[in-house]
Amino acid sequence: MARNELLTCQTTIFSILSKQNHVTHLLDYSSFFYLIQRNGNDNHRLKESKNKRMKRSNLALVVAIPPCFGLAVASTAEFVRSSCQTTNYPDLCEKYLSAYAPKVRRSPRQLARAALTVTADRTAAASKFVERFSTPRGRPSPSARGARGGGAVRDCLETLADSVDRLRRSVREMERMGRYGSQSFRWHLGNVQTWVSAALTDENTCLDSLAQDRSAAAVRPMIRSQVVHVSHLTSNALALINRLDPNH
């Protein structure tokens, strides 16, 4: 519904502009007001009758543009929401990606890239959090010493570091994809799918290690909540990436 209304708005604005004999290929909202301002500055060169027509057209633009801009924002927000519904954790997806709506517009590729960027950043933060328990300040508790001594926490640090590396590489790889559906696109997309899937495996490996290591019992709940969170983000990012596959 919002998209149909947006198309109606665009048609209305372009119709107004064509009556003024202006080029209708406008890039953004500010361009409209630049056009209006320019028209106002040139009005003194026009005859009285034409001046009045221009003023009426400009007034029509002022009235038409704000609602259309609002619809454009609503349309991109709806795109993010509907895309997130295809993931395993839609609420989490929408929470983190709704702020990117103006930037990604209606591009599935840009949305997937935004999801990857968010996931890489959150996973790096989780890794920093886990590091606090592997290198405690002062005299460590027995449970912390056990976890540090090659146990679950150390394993988590290694697997999370691998996960961050794969996610960062995936973000860079998406910039090299090229034209949708091309051989280059398929090649780079395949790399991204492989790396993000491996990152998710890394995170699940950390969770399994925590569950099996008794020495990590004291820190398990705190670390687990962090890793579960980023594993859900990774799962969502992978779902959005898989939607880019021409064979999907």
Protein backbone atom coordinates (compact mmCIF):
# COMPACT_ATOMS: atom_id res chain seq x y z
CA MET A 1 0.00 0.00 0.00
CA ALA A 2 2.74 2.44 0.96
CA ARG A 3 4.62 1.69 -2.24
CA ASN A 4 1.55 2.44 -4.41
CA GLU A 5 1.03 5.71 -2.58
CA LEU A 6 4.70 6.57 -3.07
CA LEU A 7 4.43 5.95 -6.81
CA THR A 8 1.38 8.21 -6.91
CA CYS A 9 3.35 10.92 -5.11
CA GLN A 10 6.25 10.62 -7.52
CA THR A 11 3.91 10.86 -10.49
CA THR A 12 2.30 13.98 -9.03
CA ILE A 13 5.63 15.71 -8.41
CA PHE A 14 7.02 14.84 -11.82
CA SER A 15 3.84 16.12 -13.42
CA ILE A 16 4.23 19.45 -11.61
CA LEU A 17 7.88 19.70 -12.65
CA SER A 18 7.19 18.84 -16.28
CA LYS A 19 4.71 21.69 -16.47
CA GLN A 20 7.56 23.99 -15.45
CA ASN A 21 9.77 22.49 -18.21
CA HIS A 22 12.34 21.27 -15.67
CA VAL A 23 14.32 18.05 -15.84
CA THR A 24 12.59 15.55 -13.61
CA HIS A 25 15.53 13.41 -12.69
CA LEU A 26 15.89 14.60 -9.07
CA LEU A 27 18.13 12.81 -6.67
CA ASP A 28 16.84 13.64 -3.22
CA TYR A 29 14.55 15.69 -1.07
CA SER A 30 16.88 18.71 -0.88
CA SER A 31 16.95 18.89 -4.68
CA PHE A 32 13.26 19.68 -4.68
CA PHE A 33 13.68 22.67 -2.44
CA TYR A 34 16.69 23.86 -4.40
CA LEU A 35 14.45 23.83 -7.44
CA ILE A 36 11.79 25.78 -5.61
CA GLN A 37 14.33 28.34 -4.40
CA ARG A 38 15.80 28.71 -7.89
CA ASN A 39 12.40 29.27 -9.37
CA GLY A 40 11.75 31.98 -6.80
CA ASN A 41 14.99 33.75 -7.68
CA ASP A 42 14.15 33.76 -11.40
CA ASN A 43 10.58 34.94 -11.08
CA HIS A 44 11.46 38.60 -11.58
CA ARG A 45 12.41 37.78 -15.18
CA LEU A 46 9.03 36.33 -16.02
CA LYS A 47 5.84 37.99 -17.06
CA GLU A 48 3.18 38.49 -14.45
CA SER A 49 0.97 35.67 -15.70
CA LYS A 50 3.84 33.21 -15.85
CA ASN A 51 4.99 34.37 -12.45
CA LYS A 52 1.67 33.44 -10.97
CA ARG A 53 1.72 30.02 -12.59
CA MET A 54 5.21 29.38 -11.24
CA LYS A 55 4.15 30.37 -7.75
CA ARG A 56 1.19 28.04 -7.93
CA SER A 57 3.46 25.21 -9.12
CA ASN A 58 5.95 25.90 -6.36
CA LEU A 59 3.17 25.92 -3.80
CA ALA A 60 1.98 22.60 -5.17
CA LEU A 61 5.49 21.22 -4.75
CA VAL A 62 5.73 22.45 -1.17
CA VAL A 63 2.42 20.75 -0.41
CA ALA A 64 3.24 17.53 -2.27
CA ILE A 65 6.83 16.85 -1.26
CA PRO A 66 6.65 16.38 2.55
CA PRO A 67 3.98 13.64 2.42
CA CYS A 68 5.89 11.90 -0.35
CA PHE A 69 9.12 12.06 1.61
CA GLY A 70 7.32 10.55 4.59
CA LEU A 71 6.01 7.75 2.39
CA ALA A 72 9.51 7.08 1.06
CA VAL A 73 10.80 6.67 4.63
CA ALA A 74 7.85 4.44 5.48
CA SER A 75 8.49 2.36 2.37
CA THR A 76 12.14 1.67 3.26
CA ALA A 77 11.19 0.88 6.86
CA GLU A 78 8.60 -1.58 5.60
CA PHE A 79 11.24 -3.15 3.36
CA VAL A 80 13.49 -3.77 6.38
CA ARG A 81 10.58 -5.14 8.41
CA SER A 82 9.39 -7.51 5.69
CA SER A 83 12.95 -8.68 4.97
CA CYS A 84 13.52 -9.40 8.65
CA GLN A 85 10.44 -11.60 8.70
CA THR A 86 12.38 -14.13 6.63
CA THR A 87 15.02 -14.56 9.37
CA ASN A 88 14.94 -16.83 12.42
CA TYR A 89 14.92 -13.89 14.82
CA PRO A 90 12.87 -11.14 13.14
CA ASP A 91 12.50 -8.89 16.19
CA LEU A 92 16.25 -8.85 16.75
CA CYS A 93 16.81 -8.25 13.05
CA GLU A 94 14.47 -5.28 12.95
CA LYS A 95 15.88 -3.85 16.17
CA TYR A 96 19.40 -3.60 14.74
CA LEU A 97 18.65 -2.87 11.09
CA SER A 98 15.74 -0.41 11.23
CA ALA A 99 18.22 2.45 11.71
CA TYR A 100 19.82 1.51 8.38
CA ALA A 101 16.56 1.84 6.43
CA PRO A 102 17.38 5.27 4.87
CA LYS A 103 20.81 4.02 3.80
CA VAL A 104 19.87 0.63 2.38
CA ARG A 105 16.65 1.96 0.81
CA ARG A 106 15.17 -1.12 -0.85
CA SER A 107 18.41 -2.92 -1.69
CA PRO A 108 18.62 -6.54 -0.43
CA ARG A 109 22.38 -6.44 -0.97
CA GLN A 110 22.87 -3.30 1.13
CA LEU A 111 20.62 -4.71 3.84
CA ALA A 112 22.64 -7.93 3.99
CA ARG A 113 25.85 -5.92 4.14
CA ALA A 114 24.46 -3.82 7.00
CA ALA A 115 23.50 -7.00 8.85
CA LEU A 116 27.02 -8.34 8.40
CA THR A 117 28.59 -5.11 9.64
CA VAL A 118 26.40 -5.06 12.74
CA THR A 119 27.10 -8.73 13.41
CA ALA A 120 30.87 -8.33 13.06
CA ASP A 121 30.86 -5.35 15.44
CA ARG A 122 28.73 -7.13 18.05
CA THR A 123 30.82 -10.29 17.82
CA ALA A 124 34.00 -8.27 18.32
CA ALA A 125 32.40 -6.69 21.40
CA ALA A 126 31.45 -10.14 22.71
CA SER A 127 35.02 -11.31 22.21
CA LYS A 128 36.29 -8.38 24.27
CA PHE A 129 33.78 -9.28 26.97
CA VAL A 130 34.93 -12.90 27.10
CA GLU A 131 38.55 -11.77 27.25
CA ARG A 132 37.87 -10.19 30.64
CA PHE A 133 37.28 -13.65 32.10
CA SER A 134 40.30 -15.28 30.50
CA THR A 135 42.76 -12.70 31.87
CA PRO A 136 41.34 -11.61 35.24
CA ARG A 137 42.97 -8.72 37.00
CA GLY A 138 44.52 -9.29 40.37
CA ARG A 139 44.28 -12.74 41.90
CA PRO A 140 41.85 -14.86 39.89
CA SER A 141 39.24 -17.09 41.49
CA PRO A 142 39.65 -20.88 41.17
CA SER A 143 36.89 -21.03 38.55
CA ALA A 144 38.49 -18.26 36.53
CA ARG A 145 41.89 -19.94 36.75
CA GLY A 146 40.42 -23.19 35.53
CA ALA A 147 38.66 -21.51 32.64
CA ARG A 148 41.81 -19.66 31.68
CA GLY A 149 43.90 -22.79 31.83
CA GLY A 150 43.03 -23.99 28.33
CA GLY A 151 39.35 -24.52 29.12
CA ALA A 152 36.07 -23.27 27.69
CA VAL A 153 36.80 -19.56 27.99
CA ARG A 154 40.04 -19.91 26.09
CA ASP A 155 38.28 -21.97 23.43
CA CYS A 156 35.60 -19.32 23.14
CA LEU A 157 38.19 -16.61 22.66
CA GLU A 158 39.76 -18.53 19.80
CA THR A 159 36.49 -19.38 18.09
CA LEU A 160 35.11 -15.85 18.48
CA ALA A 161 38.32 -14.41 17.03
CA ASP A 162 37.86 -16.70 14.03
CA SER A 163 34.22 -15.65 13.79
CA VAL A 164 35.09 -11.94 13.77
CA ASP A 165 37.74 -12.50 11.11
CA ARG A 166 35.32 -14.36 8.85
CA LEU A 167 32.59 -11.77 9.30
CA ARG A 168 34.95 -8.89 8.54
CA ARG A 169 36.19 -10.65 5.43
CA SER A 170 32.60 -11.22 4.38
CA VAL A 171 31.82 -7.50 4.63
CA ARG A 172 34.77 -6.73 2.36
CA GLU A 173 33.85 -9.53 -0.02
CA MET A 174 30.38 -8.10 -0.55
CA GLU A 175 31.96 -4.94 -1.94
CA ARG A 176 33.53 -6.99 -4.75
CA MET A 177 30.41 -8.80 -5.91
CA GLY A 178 29.76 -6.85 -9.08
CA ARG A 179 26.59 -7.08 -11.13
CA TYR A 180 23.80 -9.21 -9.72
CA GLY A 181 23.67 -12.67 -11.27
CA SER A 182 27.08 -12.39 -12.93
CA GLN A 183 29.76 -15.05 -12.53
CA SER A 184 31.72 -12.70 -10.27
CA PHE A 185 28.63 -12.11 -8.15
CA ARG A 186 28.05 -15.84 -7.68
CA TRP A 187 31.70 -16.45 -6.80
CA HIS A 188 31.91 -13.76 -4.14
CA LEU A 189 28.47 -14.61 -2.76
CA GLY A 190 29.56 -18.22 -2.38
CA ASN A 191 32.58 -17.08 -0.37
CA VAL A 192 30.40 -14.95 1.89
CA GLN A 193 27.93 -17.78 2.47
CA THR A 194 30.76 -20.16 3.35
CA TRP A 195 32.48 -17.75 5.73
CA VAL A 196 29.35 -16.60 7.55
CA SER A 197 28.20 -20.20 7.94
CA ALA A 198 31.62 -21.02 9.41
CA ALA A 199 31.34 -18.04 11.77
CA LEU A 200 28.04 -19.40 13.05
CA THR A 201 29.68 -22.79 13.58
CA ASP A 202 32.46 -21.08 15.57
CA GLU A 203 29.91 -19.47 17.86
CA ASN A 204 28.05 -22.74 18.40
CA THR A 205 31.36 -24.46 19.15
CA CYS A 206 31.97 -21.91 21.89
CA LEU A 207 28.54 -22.63 23.38
CA ASP A 208 29.15 -26.39 23.30
CA SER A 209 32.52 -25.95 24.99
CA LEU A 210 30.97 -23.85 27.74
CA ALA A 211 28.27 -26.43 28.37
CA GLN A 212 30.79 -29.25 28.78
CA ASP A 213 33.43 -27.50 30.90
CA ARG A 214 32.60 -27.63 34.62
CA SER A 215 35.44 -25.25 35.45
CA ALA A 216 33.60 -22.51 33.54
CA ALA A 217 30.41 -22.83 35.60
CA ALA A 218 30.93 -19.51 37.40
CA VAL A 219 31.23 -17.47 34.22
CA ARG A 220 29.09 -19.60 31.91
CA PRO A 221 25.80 -17.63 32.19
CA MET A 222 27.42 -14.27 31.39
CA ILE A 223 29.47 -15.54 28.47
CA ARG A 224 26.67 -17.68 27.12
CA SER A 225 24.24 -14.75 26.93
CA GLN A 226 26.75 -12.77 24.87
CA VAL A 227 27.53 -15.59 22.47
CA VAL A 228 23.90 -16.63 22.02
CA HIS A 229 23.10 -13.03 21.12
CA VAL A 230 25.76 -12.80 18.41
CA SER A 231 24.90 -16.27 17.10
CA HIS A 232 21.34 -15.06 16.53
CA LEU A 233 22.65 -12.00 14.71
CA THR A 234 24.89 -14.21 12.59
CA SER A 235 21.97 -16.48 11.77
CA ASN A 236 19.92 -13.48 10.66
CA ALA A 237 22.76 -12.12 8.53
CA LEU A 238 23.17 -15.50 6.84
CA ALA A 239 19.45 -15.64 6.08
CA LEU A 240 19.57 -12.22 4.41
CA ILE A 241 22.68 -13.22 2.47
CA ASN A 242 21.07 -16.43 1.24
CA ARG A 243 18.22 -14.38 -0.20
CA LEU A 244 20.73 -12.83 -2.61
CA ASP A 245 21.39 -16.22 -4.20
CA PRO A 246 19.87 -16.24 -7.72
CA ASN A 247 18.95 -19.89 -7.12
CA HIS A 248 17.26 -19.14 -3.79
